[in-house]
Structure formats: C-alpha cells, structure tokens
Amino acid sequence: MLFAPYSFIVDHNHNLDLPLRIDEQGCAVKDIVIEDDVWIGAHATVLPGVRLGRGCVVGANACVTRDVPPFAIVCGVPAVIKRYRVGYA
C-alpha cells in the first residue's frame, strides 16, 4: 500500500439525530478495508464503510464515499471510476 502525504482515512462519523446537539451524541463506526497494492493520493479522504479493492488507485484530493472495485482508478468529489489500470482483464 502507498499512502501519499495528508491522505485521511476515517472509520467513524458523528451521529446527527435531533433533538440532541451534535456534541452530545455518540459516533457511528464502520470498518474500512484496504486490500493489497492500493495507492491513495495526496489529500485524498476515505470515509467509513468503504472497501478499496486490490490494485486500485485513489487520485489526489478525491473523497471516496463508496467501495472501489479492484484495479479501478478513481478521482473527484465524490470519487468516481475514471478507468481501470492497464493490463486489467
């Protein structure tokens, strides 16, 4: 796995239920799975509950909100598949 500078992997988020204030609520936790040979670009964010498939690439500044299939290259906010790595069958 390669993690570029300032990449951010977060496995929890604050609950947002009314009528409580946000600081009075707990957090919801969801696992993140990062498979082999993954590259996460600079300043990219991976949110709770995401699986990054084997050999995928997350572009710089991307925000990954859902699973990324193996060998996909994703970028953008939210991250979307732009193409697959060369040689992927």
N, C-alpha and C. Protein backbone atom coordinates (compact mmCIF):
# COMPACT_ATOMS: atom_id res chain seq x y z
N MET A 1 0.84 -1.18 0.00
CA MET A 1 0.00 0.00 0.00
C MET A 1 0.88 1.25 0.00
N LEU A 2 0.44 2.23 -0.71
CA LEU A 2 1.13 3.52 -0.73
C LEU A 2 0.16 4.60 -0.27
N PHE A 3 0.59 5.37 0.71
CA PHE A 3 -0.22 6.48 1.21
C PHE A 3 0.57 7.76 0.97
N ALA A 4 0.04 8.65 0.14
CA ALA A 4 0.68 9.93 -0.11
C ALA A 4 0.47 10.86 1.08
N PRO A 5 1.24 11.95 1.13
CA PRO A 5 1.09 12.88 2.25
C PRO A 5 -0.33 13.42 2.39
N TYR A 6 -0.74 13.56 3.62
CA TYR A 6 -2.02 14.16 4.00
C TYR A 6 -3.24 13.36 3.57
N SER A 7 -3.05 12.08 3.24
CA SER A 7 -4.23 11.24 3.00
C SER A 7 -4.92 11.02 4.34
N PHE A 8 -6.25 10.89 4.31
CA PHE A 8 -7.05 10.83 5.54
C PHE A 8 -7.99 9.65 5.46
N ILE A 9 -7.83 8.70 6.38
CA ILE A 9 -8.65 7.51 6.44
C ILE A 9 -9.43 7.60 7.75
N VAL A 10 -10.76 7.66 7.67
CA VAL A 10 -11.56 7.85 8.89
C VAL A 10 -12.64 6.78 8.97
N ASP A 11 -12.73 6.10 10.11
CA ASP A 11 -13.67 4.99 10.26
C ASP A 11 -14.91 5.34 11.08
N HIS A 12 -15.09 6.61 11.42
CA HIS A 12 -16.27 6.98 12.21
C HIS A 12 -16.78 8.37 11.81
N ASN A 13 -18.01 8.62 12.22
CA ASN A 13 -18.63 9.91 11.96
C ASN A 13 -19.59 10.22 13.11
N HIS A 14 -19.82 11.46 13.38
CA HIS A 14 -20.76 11.84 14.43
C HIS A 14 -22.19 11.53 14.02
N ASN A 15 -22.99 11.14 14.98
CA ASN A 15 -24.43 10.98 14.73
C ASN A 15 -25.04 12.37 14.57
N LEU A 16 -26.16 12.44 13.87
CA LEU A 16 -26.78 13.74 13.57
C LEU A 16 -28.26 13.78 13.91
N ASP A 17 -28.67 12.97 14.88
CA ASP A 17 -30.08 12.89 15.23
C ASP A 17 -30.54 14.08 16.08
N LEU A 18 -31.70 14.60 15.75
CA LEU A 18 -32.32 15.65 16.56
C LEU A 18 -33.07 14.97 17.70
N PRO A 19 -33.31 15.54 18.82
CA PRO A 19 -33.12 16.94 19.16
C PRO A 19 -31.79 17.21 19.87
N LEU A 20 -30.94 16.20 20.06
CA LEU A 20 -29.68 16.42 20.76
C LEU A 20 -28.70 17.25 19.94
N ARG A 21 -27.88 18.00 20.66
CA ARG A 21 -26.80 18.72 19.99
C ARG A 21 -25.78 17.69 19.50
N ILE A 22 -25.05 18.02 18.47
CA ILE A 22 -24.09 17.09 17.90
C ILE A 22 -23.05 16.67 18.92
N ASP A 23 -22.58 17.60 19.75
CA ASP A 23 -21.56 17.23 20.73
C ASP A 23 -22.09 16.35 21.87
N GLU A 24 -23.39 16.15 21.93
CA GLU A 24 -23.99 15.29 22.95
C GLU A 24 -24.27 13.88 22.42
N GLN A 25 -23.97 13.65 21.18
CA GLN A 25 -24.26 12.36 20.55
C GLN A 25 -22.98 11.54 20.41
N GLY A 26 -23.17 10.28 20.24
CA GLY A 26 -22.04 9.39 20.01
C GLY A 26 -21.60 9.40 18.56
N CYS A 27 -20.78 8.44 18.23
CA CYS A 27 -20.29 8.29 16.87
C CYS A 27 -20.72 6.94 16.31
N ALA A 28 -20.90 6.89 15.01
CA ALA A 28 -21.15 5.64 14.30
C ALA A 28 -19.83 5.20 13.69
N VAL A 29 -19.48 3.93 13.90
CA VAL A 29 -18.21 3.39 13.41
C VAL A 29 -18.48 2.34 12.34
N LYS A 30 -17.74 2.41 11.24
CA LYS A 30 -17.82 1.41 10.17
C LYS A 30 -16.40 1.08 9.73
N ASP A 31 -16.13 -0.21 9.59
CA ASP A 31 -14.80 -0.65 9.17
C ASP A 31 -14.46 -0.15 7.77
N ILE A 32 -13.17 0.03 7.54
CA ILE A 32 -12.63 0.32 6.22
C ILE A 32 -11.70 -0.83 5.88
N VAL A 33 -11.81 -1.36 4.66
CA VAL A 33 -10.94 -2.44 4.21
C VAL A 33 -10.09 -1.92 3.06
N ILE A 34 -8.78 -2.08 3.20
CA ILE A 34 -7.85 -1.68 2.15
C ILE A 34 -7.09 -2.93 1.74
N GLU A 35 -7.33 -3.39 0.52
CA GLU A 35 -6.70 -4.60 0.03
C GLU A 35 -5.27 -4.30 -0.46
N ASP A 36 -4.58 -5.32 -0.95
CA ASP A 36 -3.18 -5.21 -1.38
C ASP A 36 -3.01 -4.30 -2.59
N ASP A 37 -1.83 -3.69 -2.69
CA ASP A 37 -1.39 -2.94 -3.86
C ASP A 37 -2.27 -1.73 -4.15
N VAL A 38 -2.70 -1.03 -3.12
CA VAL A 38 -3.55 0.16 -3.26
C VAL A 38 -2.68 1.41 -3.12
N TRP A 39 -2.99 2.42 -3.93
CA TRP A 39 -2.29 3.70 -3.85
C TRP A 39 -3.32 4.78 -3.55
N ILE A 40 -3.12 5.51 -2.46
CA ILE A 40 -4.01 6.60 -2.07
C ILE A 40 -3.24 7.91 -2.23
N GLY A 41 -3.75 8.78 -3.09
CA GLY A 41 -3.06 10.01 -3.44
C GLY A 41 -3.12 11.08 -2.35
N ALA A 42 -2.33 12.11 -2.56
CA ALA A 42 -2.20 13.21 -1.60
C ALA A 42 -3.55 13.89 -1.34
N HIS A 43 -3.81 14.15 -0.09
CA HIS A 43 -5.01 14.85 0.36
C HIS A 43 -6.31 14.10 0.08
N ALA A 44 -6.23 12.82 -0.28
CA ALA A 44 -7.44 12.03 -0.51
C ALA A 44 -8.06 11.66 0.84
N THR A 45 -9.39 11.50 0.84
CA THR A 45 -10.13 11.12 2.04
C THR A 45 -10.91 9.85 1.75
N VAL A 46 -10.81 8.87 2.67
CA VAL A 46 -11.58 7.64 2.57
C VAL A 46 -12.53 7.60 3.75
N LEU A 47 -13.83 7.54 3.48
CA LEU A 47 -14.86 7.63 4.52
C LEU A 47 -15.24 6.26 5.08
N PRO A 48 -15.96 6.23 6.20
CA PRO A 48 -16.32 4.98 6.86
C PRO A 48 -17.10 4.02 5.97
N GLY A 49 -16.81 2.72 6.15
CA GLY A 49 -17.55 1.67 5.47
C GLY A 49 -17.09 1.34 4.07
N VAL A 50 -15.99 1.93 3.62
CA VAL A 50 -15.51 1.75 2.25
C VAL A 50 -14.54 0.58 2.16
N ARG A 51 -14.60 -0.14 1.03
CA ARG A 51 -13.62 -1.18 0.70
C ARG A 51 -12.87 -0.72 -0.54
N LEU A 52 -11.54 -0.67 -0.43
CA LEU A 52 -10.69 -0.33 -1.57
C LEU A 52 -10.14 -1.64 -2.12
N GLY A 53 -10.57 -2.01 -3.31
CA GLY A 53 -10.20 -3.28 -3.92
C GLY A 53 -8.73 -3.35 -4.30
N ARG A 54 -8.26 -4.56 -4.44
CA ARG A 54 -6.86 -4.82 -4.78
C ARG A 54 -6.43 -4.03 -6.01
N GLY A 55 -5.27 -3.35 -5.88
CA GLY A 55 -4.67 -2.67 -7.00
C GLY A 55 -5.33 -1.39 -7.44
N CYS A 56 -6.27 -0.88 -6.67
CA CYS A 56 -6.93 0.37 -7.09
C CYS A 56 -6.06 1.58 -6.79
N VAL A 57 -6.39 2.68 -7.44
CA VAL A 57 -5.68 3.95 -7.25
C VAL A 57 -6.72 5.01 -6.92
N VAL A 58 -6.47 5.75 -5.84
CA VAL A 58 -7.33 6.87 -5.44
C VAL A 58 -6.57 8.15 -5.74
N GLY A 59 -7.12 8.97 -6.63
CA GLY A 59 -6.44 10.19 -7.06
C GLY A 59 -6.33 11.24 -5.96
N ALA A 60 -5.40 12.14 -6.14
CA ALA A 60 -5.19 13.23 -5.19
C ALA A 60 -6.48 14.04 -5.01
N ASN A 61 -6.75 14.42 -3.79
CA ASN A 61 -7.90 15.24 -3.41
C ASN A 61 -9.25 14.54 -3.54
N ALA A 62 -9.27 13.26 -3.86
CA ALA A 62 -10.54 12.54 -4.01
C ALA A 62 -11.19 12.33 -2.65
N CYS A 63 -12.51 12.16 -2.66
CA CYS A 63 -13.26 11.80 -1.46
C CYS A 63 -14.02 10.51 -1.77
N VAL A 64 -13.55 9.39 -1.21
CA VAL A 64 -14.12 8.08 -1.51
C VAL A 64 -15.27 7.82 -0.54
N THR A 65 -16.48 7.72 -1.11
CA THR A 65 -17.68 7.56 -0.31
C THR A 65 -18.30 6.17 -0.43
N ARG A 66 -17.81 5.38 -1.41
CA ARG A 66 -18.34 4.01 -1.59
C ARG A 66 -17.22 3.11 -2.10
N ASP A 67 -17.50 1.81 -2.13
CA ASP A 67 -16.50 0.81 -2.49
C ASP A 67 -15.88 1.08 -3.86
N VAL A 68 -14.58 0.75 -3.96
CA VAL A 68 -13.84 0.89 -5.22
C VAL A 68 -13.46 -0.52 -5.67
N PRO A 69 -13.83 -0.92 -6.90
CA PRO A 69 -13.50 -2.27 -7.36
C PRO A 69 -12.01 -2.45 -7.60
N PRO A 70 -11.56 -3.70 -7.65
CA PRO A 70 -10.15 -3.96 -7.92
C PRO A 70 -9.68 -3.31 -9.22
N PHE A 71 -8.49 -2.74 -9.17
CA PHE A 71 -7.77 -2.15 -10.30
C PHE A 71 -8.43 -0.91 -10.89
N ALA A 72 -9.43 -0.35 -10.22
CA ALA A 72 -10.07 0.89 -10.69
C ALA A 72 -9.21 2.09 -10.32
N ILE A 73 -9.31 3.13 -11.13
CA ILE A 73 -8.69 4.42 -10.82
C ILE A 73 -9.84 5.39 -10.59
N VAL A 74 -9.90 5.96 -9.39
CA VAL A 74 -10.99 6.87 -9.04
C VAL A 74 -10.43 8.25 -8.70
N CYS A 75 -11.25 9.27 -8.97
CA CYS A 75 -10.89 10.62 -8.57
C CYS A 75 -12.16 11.46 -8.49
N GLY A 76 -12.03 12.62 -7.88
CA GLY A 76 -13.16 13.54 -7.78
C GLY A 76 -13.82 13.52 -6.42
N VAL A 77 -14.81 14.42 -6.28
CA VAL A 77 -15.57 14.56 -5.05
C VAL A 77 -17.04 14.58 -5.42
N PRO A 78 -17.76 13.49 -5.16
CA PRO A 78 -17.27 12.22 -4.64
C PRO A 78 -16.49 11.47 -5.72
N ALA A 79 -15.64 10.54 -5.28
CA ALA A 79 -14.80 9.79 -6.22
C ALA A 79 -15.64 8.92 -7.14
N VAL A 80 -15.29 8.94 -8.41
CA VAL A 80 -15.95 8.09 -9.42
C VAL A 80 -14.86 7.38 -10.23
N ILE A 81 -15.24 6.25 -10.83
CA ILE A 81 -14.29 5.49 -11.63
C ILE A 81 -14.03 6.23 -12.94
N LYS A 82 -12.77 6.48 -13.22
CA LYS A 82 -12.37 7.13 -14.48
C LYS A 82 -11.92 6.09 -15.50
N ARG A 83 -11.25 5.05 -15.02
CA ARG A 83 -10.83 3.95 -15.88
C ARG A 83 -10.25 2.85 -15.01
N TYR A 84 -9.73 1.82 -15.65
CA TYR A 84 -9.07 0.73 -14.94
C TYR A 84 -7.60 0.71 -15.33
N ARG A 85 -6.76 0.20 -14.44
CA ARG A 85 -5.34 0.13 -14.72
C ARG A 85 -5.08 -0.71 -15.96
N VAL A 86 -4.08 -0.33 -16.72
CA VAL A 86 -3.70 -1.03 -17.94
C VAL A 86 -3.34 -2.48 -17.59
N GLY A 87 -3.80 -3.40 -18.42
CA GLY A 87 -3.49 -4.80 -18.22
C GLY A 87 -4.50 -5.53 -17.38
N TYR A 88 -5.49 -4.81 -16.84
CA TYR A 88 -6.54 -5.46 -16.05
C TYR A 88 -7.46 -6.22 -17.00
N ALA A 89 -7.68 -7.48 -16.69
CA ALA A 89 -8.52 -8.29 -17.57
C ALA A 89 -9.89 -8.48 -16.96
